[in-house]
Amino acid sequence: MPKKTGLATATKPPVDPEKWVTDTTTPNISAGPIARMTVELPLEMHRELKGKCGREGLKIKKVIIALVQDYLEGKIKITEVDLH
């Protein structure tokens, strides 16, 4: 008979994917409609971003939203030279 640890009963409830992607708890976002976007990143850049966000306890989605918001508000300037 296998040893029972009690861990098998400690499962998390399933996450509703629609609720997960439409999370509106991000600051500076209106409660209006949400658009989804797919962005292709070099694999190493994605790994670094995911790791850094994980270490800092941040969601990638919220970091990207903050960066886009800063760009739109003119806090970040990007020129064609920057897009190498």
N, C-alpha and C. Protein backbone atom coordinates (compact mmCIF):
# COMPACT_ATOMS: atom_id res chain seq x y z
N MET A 1 0.85 -1.17 0.00
CA MET A 1 0.00 0.00 0.00
C MET A 1 0.90 1.24 0.00
N PRO A 2 0.64 2.21 -0.92
CA PRO A 2 1.45 3.42 -0.96
C PRO A 2 1.24 4.29 0.28
N LYS A 3 2.29 4.98 0.65
CA LYS A 3 2.23 5.87 1.79
C LYS A 3 1.37 7.09 1.44
N LYS A 4 0.46 7.46 2.31
CA LYS A 4 -0.40 8.62 2.09
C LYS A 4 0.18 9.83 2.81
N THR A 5 0.38 10.91 2.06
CA THR A 5 0.97 12.11 2.65
C THR A 5 -0.05 13.22 2.83
N GLY A 6 -1.19 13.08 2.20
CA GLY A 6 -2.19 14.14 2.29
C GLY A 6 -2.00 15.22 1.24
N LEU A 7 -0.90 15.14 0.49
CA LEU A 7 -0.65 16.15 -0.53
C LEU A 7 -1.55 16.00 -1.74
N ALA A 8 -1.99 14.78 -2.02
CA ALA A 8 -2.81 14.54 -3.20
C ALA A 8 -4.15 15.27 -3.10
N THR A 9 -4.62 15.54 -1.91
CA THR A 9 -5.92 16.19 -1.76
C THR A 9 -5.79 17.72 -1.76
N ALA A 10 -4.57 18.22 -1.75
CA ALA A 10 -4.35 19.66 -1.67
C ALA A 10 -4.18 20.26 -3.06
N THR A 11 -5.14 20.05 -3.93
CA THR A 11 -5.04 20.59 -5.29
C THR A 11 -5.70 21.96 -5.36
N LYS A 12 -5.17 22.77 -6.24
CA LYS A 12 -5.73 24.11 -6.44
C LYS A 12 -6.93 24.02 -7.36
N PRO A 13 -7.93 24.87 -7.16
CA PRO A 13 -9.05 24.87 -8.09
C PRO A 13 -8.57 25.33 -9.46
N PRO A 14 -9.21 24.86 -10.54
CA PRO A 14 -8.77 25.26 -11.87
C PRO A 14 -8.95 26.77 -12.07
N VAL A 15 -8.03 27.35 -12.85
CA VAL A 15 -8.08 28.78 -13.14
C VAL A 15 -8.88 28.99 -14.42
N ASP A 16 -9.82 29.90 -14.38
CA ASP A 16 -10.60 30.24 -15.57
C ASP A 16 -9.72 31.11 -16.46
N PRO A 17 -9.36 30.64 -17.66
CA PRO A 17 -8.45 31.41 -18.51
C PRO A 17 -8.99 32.78 -18.90
N GLU A 18 -10.28 32.91 -19.08
CA GLU A 18 -10.85 34.21 -19.42
C GLU A 18 -10.68 35.20 -18.28
N LYS A 19 -10.87 34.75 -17.05
CA LYS A 19 -10.70 35.63 -15.91
C LYS A 19 -9.24 36.03 -15.76
N TRP A 20 -8.35 35.08 -16.04
CA TRP A 20 -6.91 35.33 -15.90
C TRP A 20 -6.45 36.40 -16.88
N VAL A 21 -6.87 36.33 -18.15
CA VAL A 21 -6.40 37.29 -19.14
C VAL A 21 -7.14 38.61 -19.08
N THR A 22 -8.29 38.65 -18.45
CA THR A 22 -9.03 39.90 -18.36
C THR A 22 -8.92 40.52 -16.98
N ASP A 23 -7.90 40.14 -16.23
CA ASP A 23 -7.66 40.70 -14.90
C ASP A 23 -7.50 42.21 -15.03
N THR A 24 -8.41 42.96 -14.43
CA THR A 24 -8.37 44.43 -14.53
C THR A 24 -7.86 45.07 -13.25
N THR A 25 -7.13 44.32 -12.45
CA THR A 25 -6.61 44.88 -11.21
C THR A 25 -5.31 45.66 -11.44
N THR A 26 -4.89 45.74 -12.71
CA THR A 26 -3.68 46.48 -13.03
C THR A 26 -3.95 47.98 -12.91
N PRO A 27 -3.11 48.71 -12.18
CA PRO A 27 -3.31 50.15 -12.06
C PRO A 27 -3.20 50.83 -13.41
N ASN A 28 -3.80 51.99 -13.55
CA ASN A 28 -3.75 52.81 -14.76
C ASN A 28 -4.46 52.20 -15.95
N ILE A 29 -5.33 51.23 -15.72
CA ILE A 29 -6.07 50.63 -16.83
C ILE A 29 -7.55 50.88 -16.58
N SER A 30 -8.21 51.39 -17.60
CA SER A 30 -9.65 51.61 -17.45
C SER A 30 -10.36 50.26 -17.44
N ALA A 31 -11.54 50.24 -16.95
CA ALA A 31 -12.31 49.00 -16.88
C ALA A 31 -12.99 48.70 -18.20
N GLY A 32 -12.58 49.35 -19.27
CA GLY A 32 -13.17 49.14 -20.59
C GLY A 32 -12.74 47.84 -21.22
N PRO A 33 -13.05 47.70 -22.49
CA PRO A 33 -12.69 46.46 -23.21
C PRO A 33 -11.18 46.24 -23.22
N ILE A 34 -10.80 44.98 -23.28
CA ILE A 34 -9.39 44.60 -23.28
C ILE A 34 -9.06 43.97 -24.64
N ALA A 35 -7.91 44.32 -25.18
CA ALA A 35 -7.42 43.71 -26.41
C ALA A 35 -6.26 42.79 -26.07
N ARG A 36 -6.22 41.64 -26.70
CA ARG A 36 -5.11 40.70 -26.49
C ARG A 36 -4.07 40.94 -27.56
N MET A 37 -2.82 40.69 -27.19
CA MET A 37 -1.71 40.93 -28.10
C MET A 37 -0.70 39.79 -27.95
N THR A 38 -0.16 39.36 -29.07
CA THR A 38 0.91 38.38 -29.05
C THR A 38 2.18 39.08 -29.46
N VAL A 39 3.22 38.94 -28.66
CA VAL A 39 4.49 39.57 -28.95
C VAL A 39 5.55 38.49 -29.01
N GLU A 40 6.33 38.49 -30.08
CA GLU A 40 7.42 37.53 -30.20
C GLU A 40 8.70 38.17 -29.67
N LEU A 41 9.34 37.48 -28.75
CA LEU A 41 10.61 37.93 -28.16
C LEU A 41 11.66 36.87 -28.40
N PRO A 42 12.92 37.27 -28.49
CA PRO A 42 13.98 36.26 -28.50
C PRO A 42 13.87 35.41 -27.23
N LEU A 43 14.13 34.12 -27.37
CA LEU A 43 13.95 33.20 -26.25
C LEU A 43 14.72 33.64 -25.00
N GLU A 44 15.96 34.05 -25.16
CA GLU A 44 16.76 34.44 -24.00
C GLU A 44 16.18 35.68 -23.31
N MET A 45 15.69 36.63 -24.11
CA MET A 45 15.07 37.84 -23.54
C MET A 45 13.81 37.46 -22.75
N HIS A 46 13.02 36.55 -23.29
CA HIS A 46 11.82 36.10 -22.58
C HIS A 46 12.18 35.43 -21.27
N ARG A 47 13.20 34.60 -21.30
CA ARG A 47 13.64 33.92 -20.07
C ARG A 47 14.11 34.92 -19.02
N GLU A 48 14.88 35.92 -19.47
CA GLU A 48 15.36 36.94 -18.53
C GLU A 48 14.19 37.74 -17.95
N LEU A 49 13.25 38.13 -18.80
CA LEU A 49 12.08 38.88 -18.34
C LEU A 49 11.27 38.07 -17.34
N LYS A 50 11.01 36.82 -17.69
CA LYS A 50 10.23 35.96 -16.81
C LYS A 50 10.93 35.76 -15.47
N GLY A 51 12.24 35.54 -15.51
CA GLY A 51 13.00 35.34 -14.27
C GLY A 51 13.03 36.59 -13.41
N LYS A 52 13.29 37.73 -14.03
CA LYS A 52 13.34 38.99 -13.28
C LYS A 52 11.99 39.31 -12.66
N CYS A 53 10.93 39.14 -13.44
CA CYS A 53 9.58 39.39 -12.89
C CYS A 53 9.29 38.45 -11.74
N GLY A 54 9.67 37.19 -11.89
CA GLY A 54 9.44 36.22 -10.82
C GLY A 54 10.19 36.57 -9.55
N ARG A 55 11.45 36.97 -9.71
CA ARG A 55 12.25 37.33 -8.53
C ARG A 55 11.70 38.56 -7.83
N GLU A 56 11.10 39.47 -8.62
CA GLU A 56 10.59 40.71 -8.04
C GLU A 56 9.10 40.61 -7.69
N GLY A 57 8.51 39.45 -7.91
CA GLY A 57 7.10 39.24 -7.57
C GLY A 57 6.14 40.01 -8.45
N LEU A 58 6.52 40.24 -9.71
CA LEU A 58 5.69 40.99 -10.65
C LEU A 58 5.15 40.08 -11.74
N LYS A 59 4.02 40.46 -12.32
CA LYS A 59 3.48 39.75 -13.47
C LYS A 59 4.03 40.41 -14.73
N ILE A 60 4.41 39.59 -15.70
CA ILE A 60 4.93 40.11 -16.97
C ILE A 60 3.92 41.07 -17.59
N LYS A 61 2.66 40.71 -17.54
CA LYS A 61 1.60 41.55 -18.10
C LYS A 61 1.64 42.96 -17.52
N LYS A 62 1.80 43.06 -16.22
CA LYS A 62 1.80 44.37 -15.57
C LYS A 62 3.04 45.18 -15.91
N VAL A 63 4.19 44.50 -16.07
CA VAL A 63 5.42 45.19 -16.45
C VAL A 63 5.27 45.76 -17.86
N ILE A 64 4.75 44.94 -18.78
CA ILE A 64 4.58 45.41 -20.16
C ILE A 64 3.59 46.56 -20.22
N ILE A 65 2.50 46.47 -19.49
CA ILE A 65 1.51 47.56 -19.47
C ILE A 65 2.14 48.84 -18.94
N ALA A 66 2.95 48.74 -17.88
CA ALA A 66 3.61 49.93 -17.32
C ALA A 66 4.57 50.54 -18.34
N LEU A 67 5.33 49.69 -19.04
CA LEU A 67 6.26 50.20 -20.05
C LEU A 67 5.54 50.88 -21.20
N VAL A 68 4.46 50.28 -21.68
CA VAL A 68 3.69 50.89 -22.77
C VAL A 68 3.07 52.20 -22.31
N GLN A 69 2.55 52.23 -21.09
CA GLN A 69 1.96 53.46 -20.56
C GLN A 69 3.01 54.57 -20.48
N ASP A 70 4.20 54.24 -20.01
CA ASP A 70 5.28 55.23 -19.94
C ASP A 70 5.65 55.73 -21.33
N TYR A 71 5.68 54.84 -22.31
CA TYR A 71 5.99 55.24 -23.69
C TYR A 71 4.91 56.18 -24.23
N LEU A 72 3.66 55.83 -24.01
CA LEU A 72 2.55 56.66 -24.50
C LEU A 72 2.52 58.04 -23.83
N GLU A 73 2.93 58.11 -22.57
CA GLU A 73 2.96 59.38 -21.85
C GLU A 73 4.22 60.18 -22.13
N GLY A 74 5.13 59.64 -22.95
CA GLY A 74 6.35 60.35 -23.30
C GLY A 74 7.47 60.23 -22.28
N LYS A 75 7.30 59.36 -21.29
CA LYS A 75 8.34 59.17 -20.27
C LYS A 75 9.51 58.34 -20.83
N ILE A 76 9.23 57.55 -21.86
CA ILE A 76 10.25 56.74 -22.52
C ILE A 76 10.27 57.17 -23.98
N LYS A 77 11.45 57.49 -24.49
CA LYS A 77 11.61 57.87 -25.89
C LYS A 77 12.30 56.73 -26.61
N ILE A 78 11.76 56.34 -27.76
CA ILE A 78 12.34 55.29 -28.57
C ILE A 78 12.50 55.84 -29.98
N THR A 79 13.70 55.68 -30.53
CA THR A 79 13.96 56.13 -31.89
C THR A 79 14.28 54.90 -32.74
N GLU A 80 14.36 55.11 -34.03
CA GLU A 80 14.68 54.01 -34.94
C GLU A 80 16.05 53.41 -34.60
N VAL A 81 16.96 54.21 -34.11
CA VAL A 81 18.29 53.72 -33.72
C VAL A 81 18.17 52.72 -32.57
N ASP A 82 17.20 52.92 -31.67
CA ASP A 82 17.01 52.03 -30.53
C ASP A 82 16.48 50.65 -30.96
N LEU A 83 15.86 50.60 -32.11
CA LEU A 83 15.19 49.37 -32.59
C LEU A 83 16.15 48.54 -33.42
N HIS A 84 17.20 48.08 -32.84
CA HIS A 84 18.21 47.30 -33.57
C HIS A 84 17.92 45.84 -33.58
